Amino acid sequence: MASFPSLITLCGFMGTGKSAVGKSLSLALRYQFFDSDREIQAREARSIQQIFETEGEEHFRKIEKETLSKFLSKNEKTVLSVGGGAILDKENFQLLASSSVMILLSANVDEIVRRLGHENERPLLQGGDRRKKIEKLLQDRKKIYSKVKIQIDTSGLAIDEVVQKIIERLKKEYP
């Protein structure tokens, strides 16, 4: 596994398994694991939902960009999990694409709805029909998400199955 990239970024929509897969992948590769959303919450001493409610999405995206820039300047042999909207920012996308191998995790709408259940900590899904909001957000992000070269559909797969698919794909891309 010495030929694997030193920094792997897992991106994609909420509920696709970025954090859980990231932890497991980092163990399999003997890499560190870094979750940008958890780092932001620790740094701000409050939840992402609270940040959205008090300062708004624009402020959150500013903190997210600062966190990613600082992290990418000093880490290697790391699996990085970023929030579902992180790569929507052009600068973030370019920074991640130039510093790491990006892997987009995806899932079908039914799977995302099931995985998110009734959790209420997703600011972009507050109020109204969650399924419709998920469908709209996925449609809005489709163009950007499609730019990520390596894509893994996690629908119906266990975490270890997703990790195996990622490792197999990395072996093909980085023999």
N, C-alpha and C. Protein backbone atom coordinates (compact mmCIF):
# COMPACT_ATOMS: atom_id res chain seq x y z
N MET A 1 0.82 -1.21 0.00
CA MET A 1 0.00 0.00 0.00
C MET A 1 0.85 1.27 0.00
N ALA A 2 2.14 1.11 -0.19
CA ALA A 2 3.04 2.26 -0.17
C ALA A 2 2.77 3.22 -1.31
N SER A 3 2.17 2.74 -2.40
CA SER A 3 1.93 3.62 -3.54
C SER A 3 0.62 4.40 -3.44
N PHE A 4 -0.14 4.16 -2.39
CA PHE A 4 -1.39 4.90 -2.23
C PHE A 4 -1.09 6.37 -1.98
N PRO A 5 -2.01 7.25 -2.38
CA PRO A 5 -1.82 8.67 -2.12
C PRO A 5 -1.74 8.92 -0.61
N SER A 6 -1.01 9.96 -0.22
CA SER A 6 -0.84 10.21 1.21
C SER A 6 -2.05 10.92 1.82
N LEU A 7 -2.88 11.53 0.99
CA LEU A 7 -4.07 12.20 1.50
C LEU A 7 -5.26 11.81 0.64
N ILE A 8 -6.28 11.25 1.29
CA ILE A 8 -7.50 10.81 0.62
C ILE A 8 -8.66 11.58 1.22
N THR A 9 -9.44 12.23 0.36
CA THR A 9 -10.59 13.01 0.82
C THR A 9 -11.88 12.30 0.43
N LEU A 10 -12.71 12.02 1.43
CA LEU A 10 -14.04 11.47 1.18
C LEU A 10 -15.02 12.63 1.19
N CYS A 11 -15.75 12.76 0.10
CA CYS A 11 -16.74 13.82 0.00
C CYS A 11 -18.05 13.21 -0.48
N GLY A 12 -19.09 14.00 -0.48
CA GLY A 12 -20.39 13.53 -0.93
C GLY A 12 -21.49 14.03 -0.04
N PHE A 13 -22.69 13.64 -0.37
CA PHE A 13 -23.88 14.12 0.33
C PHE A 13 -23.96 13.55 1.75
N MET A 14 -24.69 14.22 2.60
CA MET A 14 -24.91 13.73 3.96
C MET A 14 -25.56 12.34 3.91
N GLY A 15 -25.18 11.50 4.85
CA GLY A 15 -25.78 10.16 4.93
C GLY A 15 -25.19 9.14 3.98
N THR A 16 -24.10 9.49 3.29
CA THR A 16 -23.50 8.53 2.36
C THR A 16 -22.40 7.71 3.03
N GLY A 17 -22.06 8.05 4.27
CA GLY A 17 -21.11 7.23 5.03
C GLY A 17 -19.71 7.80 5.15
N LYS A 18 -19.52 9.07 4.86
CA LYS A 18 -18.17 9.66 4.86
C LYS A 18 -17.43 9.46 6.17
N SER A 19 -18.05 9.76 7.28
CA SER A 19 -17.37 9.65 8.58
C SER A 19 -17.12 8.19 8.97
N ALA A 20 -18.13 7.36 8.88
CA ALA A 20 -17.98 5.95 9.27
C ALA A 20 -16.99 5.23 8.36
N VAL A 21 -17.10 5.45 7.06
CA VAL A 21 -16.19 4.83 6.11
C VAL A 21 -14.79 5.39 6.30
N GLY A 22 -14.70 6.69 6.53
CA GLY A 22 -13.40 7.32 6.73
C GLY A 22 -12.63 6.73 7.90
N LYS A 23 -13.32 6.52 9.01
CA LYS A 23 -12.68 5.91 10.19
C LYS A 23 -12.17 4.52 9.85
N SER A 24 -13.01 3.73 9.22
CA SER A 24 -12.66 2.35 8.89
C SER A 24 -11.55 2.29 7.83
N LEU A 25 -11.62 3.15 6.83
CA LEU A 25 -10.60 3.20 5.80
C LEU A 25 -9.25 3.60 6.39
N SER A 26 -9.27 4.57 7.28
CA SER A 26 -8.01 5.01 7.89
C SER A 26 -7.36 3.88 8.69
N LEU A 27 -8.16 3.08 9.35
CA LEU A 27 -7.61 1.92 10.08
C LEU A 27 -7.02 0.89 9.11
N ALA A 28 -7.74 0.63 8.02
CA ALA A 28 -7.28 -0.36 7.04
C ALA A 28 -5.96 0.07 6.38
N LEU A 29 -5.81 1.37 6.16
CA LEU A 29 -4.60 1.89 5.51
C LEU A 29 -3.51 2.28 6.50
N ARG A 30 -3.87 2.26 7.78
CA ARG A 30 -2.96 2.76 8.84
C ARG A 30 -2.65 4.24 8.65
N TYR A 31 -3.69 4.98 8.32
CA TYR A 31 -3.63 6.42 8.15
C TYR A 31 -4.31 7.07 9.36
N GLN A 32 -4.11 8.37 9.49
CA GLN A 32 -4.86 9.14 10.48
C GLN A 32 -6.25 9.42 9.88
N PHE A 33 -7.19 9.78 10.74
CA PHE A 33 -8.52 10.17 10.27
C PHE A 33 -8.82 11.56 10.78
N PHE A 34 -9.36 12.39 9.90
CA PHE A 34 -9.72 13.76 10.24
C PHE A 34 -11.08 14.06 9.65
N ASP A 35 -12.01 14.48 10.48
CA ASP A 35 -13.36 14.83 10.05
C ASP A 35 -13.51 16.35 10.19
N SER A 36 -13.62 17.04 9.07
CA SER A 36 -13.65 18.51 9.11
C SER A 36 -14.85 19.04 9.90
N ASP A 37 -16.01 18.40 9.78
CA ASP A 37 -17.18 18.87 10.53
C ASP A 37 -16.96 18.73 12.04
N ARG A 38 -16.38 17.61 12.47
CA ARG A 38 -16.12 17.43 13.90
C ARG A 38 -15.08 18.43 14.40
N GLU A 39 -14.09 18.70 13.57
CA GLU A 39 -13.06 19.68 13.93
C GLU A 39 -13.68 21.07 14.10
N ILE A 40 -14.57 21.44 13.19
CA ILE A 40 -15.24 22.74 13.27
C ILE A 40 -16.07 22.81 14.54
N GLN A 41 -16.81 21.75 14.85
CA GLN A 41 -17.63 21.74 16.06
C GLN A 41 -16.76 21.88 17.31
N ALA A 42 -15.62 21.20 17.34
CA ALA A 42 -14.72 21.29 18.49
C ALA A 42 -14.14 22.70 18.59
N ARG A 43 -13.72 23.24 17.47
CA ARG A 43 -13.13 24.58 17.45
C ARG A 43 -14.12 25.64 17.88
N GLU A 44 -15.35 25.52 17.43
CA GLU A 44 -16.39 26.51 17.73
C GLU A 44 -17.14 26.23 19.03
N ALA A 45 -16.92 25.04 19.60
CA ALA A 45 -17.59 24.61 20.84
C ALA A 45 -19.11 24.67 20.72
N ARG A 46 -19.61 24.27 19.55
CA ARG A 46 -21.05 24.20 19.31
C ARG A 46 -21.29 23.38 18.06
N SER A 47 -22.54 22.99 17.86
CA SER A 47 -22.87 22.14 16.72
C SER A 47 -22.93 22.95 15.43
N ILE A 48 -22.87 22.25 14.32
CA ILE A 48 -23.00 22.91 13.02
C ILE A 48 -24.37 23.55 12.92
N GLN A 49 -25.37 22.86 13.44
CA GLN A 49 -26.73 23.41 13.42
C GLN A 49 -26.77 24.75 14.16
N GLN A 50 -26.10 24.83 15.31
CA GLN A 50 -26.07 26.09 16.06
C GLN A 50 -25.35 27.19 15.28
N ILE A 51 -24.28 26.83 14.58
CA ILE A 51 -23.56 27.82 13.76
C ILE A 51 -24.48 28.34 12.66
N PHE A 52 -25.17 27.43 11.98
CA PHE A 52 -26.11 27.83 10.93
C PHE A 52 -27.20 28.74 11.49
N GLU A 53 -27.74 28.38 12.66
CA GLU A 53 -28.84 29.15 13.26
C GLU A 53 -28.41 30.54 13.69
N THR A 54 -27.20 30.68 14.25
CA THR A 54 -26.78 31.98 14.78
C THR A 54 -26.06 32.86 13.76
N GLU A 55 -25.16 32.27 12.97
CA GLU A 55 -24.40 33.08 12.01
C GLU A 55 -24.73 32.80 10.55
N GLY A 56 -25.41 31.70 10.27
CA GLY A 56 -25.79 31.37 8.90
C GLY A 56 -24.80 30.49 8.17
N GLU A 57 -25.25 30.00 7.02
CA GLU A 57 -24.43 29.08 6.23
C GLU A 57 -23.16 29.74 5.72
N GLU A 58 -23.25 31.01 5.33
CA GLU A 58 -22.07 31.70 4.79
C GLU A 58 -20.92 31.72 5.82
N HIS A 59 -21.25 31.99 7.07
CA HIS A 59 -20.23 31.99 8.13
C HIS A 59 -19.66 30.58 8.32
N PHE A 60 -20.53 29.58 8.31
CA PHE A 60 -20.06 28.21 8.44
C PHE A 60 -19.10 27.86 7.31
N ARG A 61 -19.44 28.23 6.08
CA ARG A 61 -18.59 27.92 4.93
C ARG A 61 -17.23 28.62 5.05
N LYS A 62 -17.21 29.80 5.65
CA LYS A 62 -15.94 30.51 5.86
C LYS A 62 -15.06 29.73 6.85
N ILE A 63 -15.65 29.28 7.94
CA ILE A 63 -14.92 28.48 8.93
C ILE A 63 -14.44 27.17 8.30
N GLU A 64 -15.30 26.57 7.49
CA GLU A 64 -14.96 25.32 6.82
C GLU A 64 -13.74 25.51 5.92
N LYS A 65 -13.74 26.59 5.14
CA LYS A 65 -12.62 26.86 4.24
C LYS A 65 -11.32 27.07 5.03
N GLU A 66 -11.38 27.82 6.12
CA GLU A 66 -10.20 28.04 6.97
C GLU A 66 -9.69 26.72 7.54
N THR A 67 -10.61 25.89 8.00
CA THR A 67 -10.24 24.59 8.60
C THR A 67 -9.56 23.70 7.57
N LEU A 68 -10.11 23.62 6.36
CA LEU A 68 -9.53 22.79 5.31
C LEU A 68 -8.16 23.32 4.89
N SER A 69 -8.03 24.62 4.73
CA SER A 69 -6.74 25.21 4.33
C SER A 69 -5.66 24.91 5.35
N LYS A 70 -6.00 25.10 6.62
CA LYS A 70 -5.02 24.85 7.68
C LYS A 70 -4.65 23.36 7.72
N PHE A 71 -5.64 22.51 7.61
CA PHE A 71 -5.40 21.07 7.68
C PHE A 71 -4.53 20.59 6.51
N LEU A 72 -4.87 20.99 5.30
CA LEU A 72 -4.19 20.49 4.12
C LEU A 72 -2.74 20.94 4.04
N SER A 73 -2.39 21.99 4.72
CA SER A 73 -1.02 22.49 4.66
C SER A 73 -0.05 21.65 5.49
N LYS A 74 -0.57 20.77 6.35
CA LYS A 74 0.35 20.08 7.27
C LYS A 74 0.09 18.60 7.49
N ASN A 75 -0.78 17.98 6.75
CA ASN A 75 -1.09 16.57 7.02
C ASN A 75 -0.83 15.65 5.84
N GLU A 76 -0.41 14.45 6.17
CA GLU A 76 -0.24 13.40 5.17
C GLU A 76 -0.58 12.07 5.82
N LYS A 77 -0.69 11.04 4.97
CA LYS A 77 -1.14 9.72 5.43
C LYS A 77 -2.40 9.88 6.27
N THR A 78 -3.36 10.54 5.66
CA THR A 78 -4.61 10.87 6.35
C THR A 78 -5.80 10.63 5.43
N VAL A 79 -6.87 10.14 6.02
CA VAL A 79 -8.17 10.10 5.36
C VAL A 79 -8.95 11.28 5.92
N LEU A 80 -9.39 12.15 5.03
CA LEU A 80 -10.12 13.35 5.41
C LEU A 80 -11.58 13.19 4.98
N SER A 81 -12.48 13.42 5.91
CA SER A 81 -13.91 13.43 5.60
C SER A 81 -14.37 14.88 5.65
N VAL A 82 -14.99 15.35 4.57
CA VAL A 82 -15.49 16.73 4.55
C VAL A 82 -17.00 16.74 4.48
N GLY A 83 -17.59 17.82 4.93
CA GLY A 83 -19.04 17.96 4.92
C GLY A 83 -19.59 17.92 3.50
N GLY A 84 -20.85 17.59 3.39
CA GLY A 84 -21.50 17.41 2.09
C GLY A 84 -21.44 18.62 1.17
N GLY A 85 -21.36 19.81 1.74
CA GLY A 85 -21.31 21.02 0.92
C GLY A 85 -19.92 21.59 0.72
N ALA A 86 -18.91 20.98 1.32
CA ALA A 86 -17.56 21.54 1.27
C ALA A 86 -17.04 21.74 -0.14
N ILE A 87 -17.30 20.78 -1.03
CA ILE A 87 -16.74 20.89 -2.37
C ILE A 87 -17.57 21.77 -3.30
N LEU A 88 -18.67 22.31 -2.81
CA LEU A 88 -19.47 23.22 -3.62
C LEU A 88 -18.73 24.54 -3.83
N ASP A 89 -17.86 24.87 -2.89
CA ASP A 89 -17.04 26.06 -2.99
C ASP A 89 -15.90 25.76 -3.97
N LYS A 90 -15.77 26.58 -5.00
CA LYS A 90 -14.79 26.34 -6.06
C LYS A 90 -13.37 26.27 -5.50
N GLU A 91 -13.03 27.17 -4.59
CA GLU A 91 -11.68 27.17 -4.01
C GLU A 91 -11.43 25.89 -3.20
N ASN A 92 -12.42 25.47 -2.41
CA ASN A 92 -12.29 24.23 -1.65
C ASN A 92 -12.08 23.05 -2.59
N PHE A 93 -12.88 23.00 -3.65
CA PHE A 93 -12.78 21.90 -4.61
C PHE A 93 -11.37 21.85 -5.19
N GLN A 94 -10.87 22.99 -5.65
CA GLN A 94 -9.54 23.04 -6.26
C GLN A 94 -8.46 22.68 -5.25
N LEU A 95 -8.59 23.17 -4.04
CA LEU A 95 -7.62 22.87 -2.98
C LEU A 95 -7.58 21.37 -2.68
N LEU A 96 -8.75 20.77 -2.53
CA LEU A 96 -8.83 19.34 -2.24
C LEU A 96 -8.36 18.51 -3.42
N ALA A 97 -8.73 18.90 -4.64
CA ALA A 97 -8.34 18.15 -5.83
C ALA A 97 -6.82 18.21 -6.06
N SER A 98 -6.21 19.32 -5.71
CA SER A 98 -4.77 19.45 -5.93
C SER A 98 -3.94 18.87 -4.80
N SER A 99 -4.53 18.70 -3.62
CA SER A 99 -3.80 18.23 -2.45
C SER A 99 -4.06 16.77 -2.10
N SER A 100 -5.12 16.19 -2.68
CA SER A 100 -5.53 14.85 -2.26
C SER A 100 -6.20 14.11 -3.40
N VAL A 101 -6.45 12.85 -3.16
CA VAL A 101 -7.29 12.08 -4.07
C VAL A 101 -8.70 12.16 -3.51
N MET A 102 -9.60 12.71 -4.31
CA MET A 102 -10.98 12.85 -3.86
C MET A 102 -11.79 11.62 -4.26
N ILE A 103 -12.58 11.15 -3.32
CA ILE A 103 -13.48 10.03 -3.56
C ILE A 103 -14.87 10.47 -3.13
N LEU A 104 -15.80 10.45 -4.08
CA LEU A 104 -17.17 10.83 -3.78
C LEU A 104 -17.96 9.59 -3.37
N LEU A 105 -18.54 9.63 -2.19
CA LEU A 105 -19.45 8.57 -1.75
C LEU A 105 -20.86 9.04 -2.09
N SER A 106 -21.64 8.16 -2.67
CA SER A 106 -23.02 8.49 -3.02
C SER A 106 -23.95 7.40 -2.51
N ALA A 107 -25.23 7.68 -2.54
CA ALA A 107 -26.26 6.71 -2.19
C ALA A 107 -27.56 7.19 -2.83
N ASN A 108 -28.48 6.27 -3.04
CA ASN A 108 -29.75 6.69 -3.61
C ASN A 108 -30.59 7.40 -2.54
N VAL A 109 -31.61 8.10 -2.98
CA VAL A 109 -32.42 8.92 -2.07
C VAL A 109 -33.04 8.08 -0.96
N ASP A 110 -33.58 6.90 -1.30
CA ASP A 110 -34.19 6.04 -0.28
C ASP A 110 -33.19 5.68 0.81
N GLU A 111 -31.97 5.37 0.39
CA GLU A 111 -30.92 5.00 1.35
C GLU A 111 -30.55 6.19 2.24
N ILE A 112 -30.43 7.36 1.65
CA ILE A 112 -30.09 8.56 2.43
C ILE A 112 -31.19 8.85 3.44
N VAL A 113 -32.44 8.79 3.01
CA VAL A 113 -33.57 9.04 3.91
C VAL A 113 -33.54 8.04 5.06
N ARG A 114 -33.30 6.77 4.75
CA ARG A 114 -33.25 5.72 5.79
C ARG A 114 -32.09 5.98 6.76
N ARG A 115 -30.93 6.27 6.23
CA ARG A 115 -29.76 6.47 7.09
C ARG A 115 -29.89 7.69 7.99
N LEU A 116 -30.48 8.74 7.48
CA LEU A 116 -30.63 9.96 8.29
C LEU A 116 -31.77 9.83 9.28
N GLY A 117 -32.70 8.91 9.01
CA GLY A 117 -33.80 8.68 9.93
C GLY A 117 -34.50 9.97 10.32
N HIS A 118 -34.68 10.14 11.61
CA HIS A 118 -35.37 11.34 12.10
C HIS A 118 -34.40 12.30 12.78
N GLU A 119 -33.10 12.13 12.52
CA GLU A 119 -32.15 13.01 13.18
C GLU A 119 -32.42 14.45 12.78
N ASN A 120 -32.26 15.35 13.73
CA ASN A 120 -32.62 16.75 13.51
C ASN A 120 -31.42 17.69 13.50
N GLU A 121 -30.23 17.14 13.27
CA GLU A 121 -29.04 17.99 13.33
C GLU A 121 -28.51 18.36 11.95
N ARG A 122 -29.34 18.28 10.95
CA ARG A 122 -28.94 18.64 9.59
C ARG A 122 -29.63 19.94 9.22
N PRO A 123 -28.92 21.07 9.31
CA PRO A 123 -29.55 22.37 9.09
C PRO A 123 -30.25 22.52 7.75
N LEU A 124 -29.70 21.92 6.70
CA LEU A 124 -30.30 22.08 5.37
C LEU A 124 -31.56 21.25 5.17
N LEU A 125 -31.88 20.39 6.15
CA LEU A 125 -33.08 19.57 6.04
C LEU A 125 -34.18 19.99 7.02
N GLN A 126 -33.99 21.12 7.67
CA GLN A 126 -34.95 21.58 8.67
C GLN A 126 -36.26 22.01 8.01
N GLY A 127 -37.37 21.60 8.62
CA GLY A 127 -38.70 22.01 8.17
C GLY A 127 -39.08 21.47 6.80
N GLY A 128 -40.31 21.11 6.65
CA GLY A 128 -40.80 20.65 5.35
C GLY A 128 -40.51 19.18 5.07
N ASP A 129 -40.67 18.81 3.84
CA ASP A 129 -40.53 17.44 3.38
C ASP A 129 -39.05 17.11 3.16
N ARG A 130 -38.51 16.27 4.04
CA ARG A 130 -37.07 15.93 3.99
C ARG A 130 -36.69 15.28 2.66
N ARG A 131 -37.50 14.36 2.20
CA ARG A 131 -37.20 13.67 0.94
C ARG A 131 -37.08 14.67 -0.20
N LYS A 132 -38.02 15.60 -0.28
CA LYS A 132 -37.98 16.60 -1.36
C LYS A 132 -36.75 17.49 -1.22
N LYS A 133 -36.39 17.84 0.00
CA LYS A 133 -35.19 18.66 0.22
C LYS A 133 -33.95 17.90 -0.20
N ILE A 134 -33.88 16.63 0.14
CA ILE A 134 -32.73 15.79 -0.26
C ILE A 134 -32.66 15.71 -1.78
N GLU A 135 -33.79 15.45 -2.42
CA GLU A 135 -33.81 15.35 -3.88
C GLU A 135 -33.34 16.66 -4.53
N LYS A 136 -33.82 17.77 -4.02
CA LYS A 136 -33.44 19.08 -4.58
C LYS A 136 -31.95 19.36 -4.37
N LEU A 137 -31.45 19.10 -3.15
CA LEU A 137 -30.03 19.33 -2.88
C LEU A 137 -29.15 18.44 -3.76
N LEU A 138 -29.54 17.19 -3.91
CA LEU A 138 -28.78 16.28 -4.78
C LEU A 138 -28.77 16.79 -6.22
N GLN A 139 -29.92 17.26 -6.69
CA GLN A 139 -30.01 17.80 -8.05
C GLN A 139 -29.13 19.05 -8.19
N ASP A 140 -29.19 19.93 -7.20
CA ASP A 140 -28.40 21.16 -7.22
C ASP A 140 -26.90 20.87 -7.22
N ARG A 141 -26.49 19.79 -6.58
CA ARG A 141 -25.07 19.46 -6.44
C ARG A 141 -24.55 18.49 -7.49
N LYS A 142 -25.44 17.99 -8.31
CA LYS A 142 -25.09 16.94 -9.28
C LYS A 142 -23.90 17.33 -10.16
N LYS A 143 -23.91 18.54 -10.68
CA LYS A 143 -22.85 18.98 -11.60
C LYS A 143 -21.49 18.97 -10.90
N ILE A 144 -21.43 19.50 -9.71
CA ILE A 144 -20.15 19.55 -8.96
C ILE A 144 -19.73 18.14 -8.57
N TYR A 145 -20.65 17.37 -8.01
CA TYR A 145 -20.32 16.01 -7.59
C TYR A 145 -19.79 15.18 -8.77
N SER A 146 -20.33 15.42 -9.96
CA SER A 146 -19.92 14.63 -11.13
C SER A 146 -18.47 14.89 -11.52
N LYS A 147 -17.87 15.96 -11.04
CA LYS A 147 -16.48 16.29 -11.37
C LYS A 147 -15.47 15.44 -10.59
N VAL A 148 -15.93 14.73 -9.57
CA VAL A 148 -15.02 13.89 -8.78
C VAL A 148 -14.81 12.59 -9.54
N LYS A 149 -13.55 12.28 -9.84
CA LYS A 149 -13.22 11.14 -10.70
C LYS A 149 -13.62 9.80 -10.09
N ILE A 150 -13.26 9.57 -8.84
CA ILE A 150 -13.56 8.28 -8.21
C ILE A 150 -14.87 8.41 -7.45
N GLN A 151 -15.85 7.59 -7.81
CA GLN A 151 -17.16 7.62 -7.16
C GLN A 151 -17.53 6.21 -6.73
N ILE A 152 -18.03 6.11 -5.51
CA ILE A 152 -18.44 4.82 -4.95
C ILE A 152 -19.88 4.95 -4.44
N ASP A 153 -20.77 4.13 -4.97
CA ASP A 153 -22.15 4.11 -4.50
C ASP A 153 -22.21 3.21 -3.26
N THR A 154 -22.61 3.77 -2.14
CA THR A 154 -22.64 3.04 -0.87
C THR A 154 -24.01 2.43 -0.58
N SER A 155 -24.97 2.59 -1.48
CA SER A 155 -26.33 2.08 -1.26
C SER A 155 -26.31 0.59 -0.97
N GLY A 156 -26.92 0.20 0.15
CA GLY A 156 -27.06 -1.20 0.50
C GLY A 156 -25.78 -1.90 0.92
N LEU A 157 -24.69 -1.16 1.07
CA LEU A 157 -23.41 -1.77 1.44
C LEU A 157 -23.07 -1.51 2.90
N ALA A 158 -22.41 -2.49 3.52
CA ALA A 158 -21.88 -2.31 4.87
C ALA A 158 -20.60 -1.49 4.76
N ILE A 159 -20.19 -0.90 5.87
CA ILE A 159 -18.99 -0.06 5.89
C ILE A 159 -17.78 -0.80 5.34
N ASP A 160 -17.57 -2.04 5.79
CA ASP A 160 -16.39 -2.78 5.33
C ASP A 160 -16.44 -3.08 3.84
N GLU A 161 -17.63 -3.21 3.28
CA GLU A 161 -17.76 -3.42 1.83
C GLU A 161 -17.37 -2.16 1.06
N VAL A 162 -17.76 -1.01 1.58
CA VAL A 162 -17.39 0.25 0.95
C VAL A 162 -15.88 0.44 1.02
N VAL A 163 -15.30 0.17 2.18
CA VAL A 163 -13.85 0.29 2.35
C VAL A 163 -13.14 -0.60 1.34
N GLN A 164 -13.61 -1.83 1.18
CA GLN A 164 -12.99 -2.75 0.23
C GLN A 164 -13.08 -2.22 -1.20
N LYS A 165 -14.23 -1.65 -1.56
CA LYS A 165 -14.39 -1.08 -2.90
C LYS A 165 -13.42 0.07 -3.12
N ILE A 166 -13.25 0.91 -2.09
CA ILE A 166 -12.32 2.04 -2.20
C ILE A 166 -10.89 1.53 -2.38
N ILE A 167 -10.50 0.56 -1.58
CA ILE A 167 -9.14 0.02 -1.67
C ILE A 167 -8.90 -0.61 -3.04
N GLU A 168 -9.87 -1.35 -3.53
CA GLU A 168 -9.75 -1.95 -4.86
C GLU A 168 -9.58 -0.88 -5.94
N ARG A 169 -10.36 0.17 -5.83
CA ARG A 169 -10.28 1.27 -6.81
C ARG A 169 -8.93 1.98 -6.72
N LEU A 170 -8.46 2.21 -5.50
CA LEU A 170 -7.15 2.86 -5.33
C LEU A 170 -6.03 1.99 -5.89
N LYS A 171 -6.13 0.68 -5.72
CA LYS A 171 -5.13 -0.23 -6.28
C LYS A 171 -5.09 -0.13 -7.81
N LYS A 172 -6.25 0.05 -8.43
CA LYS A 172 -6.31 0.21 -9.89
C LYS A 172 -5.71 1.55 -10.32
N GLU A 173 -6.05 2.60 -9.56
CA GLU A 173 -5.60 3.94 -9.91
C GLU A 173 -4.14 4.19 -9.56
N TYR A 174 -3.65 3.53 -8.51
CA TYR A 174 -2.29 3.75 -8.01
C TYR A 174 -1.59 2.40 -7.79
N PRO A 175 -1.26 1.71 -8.89
CA PRO A 175 -0.68 0.35 -8.77
C PRO A 175 0.73 0.37 -8.15
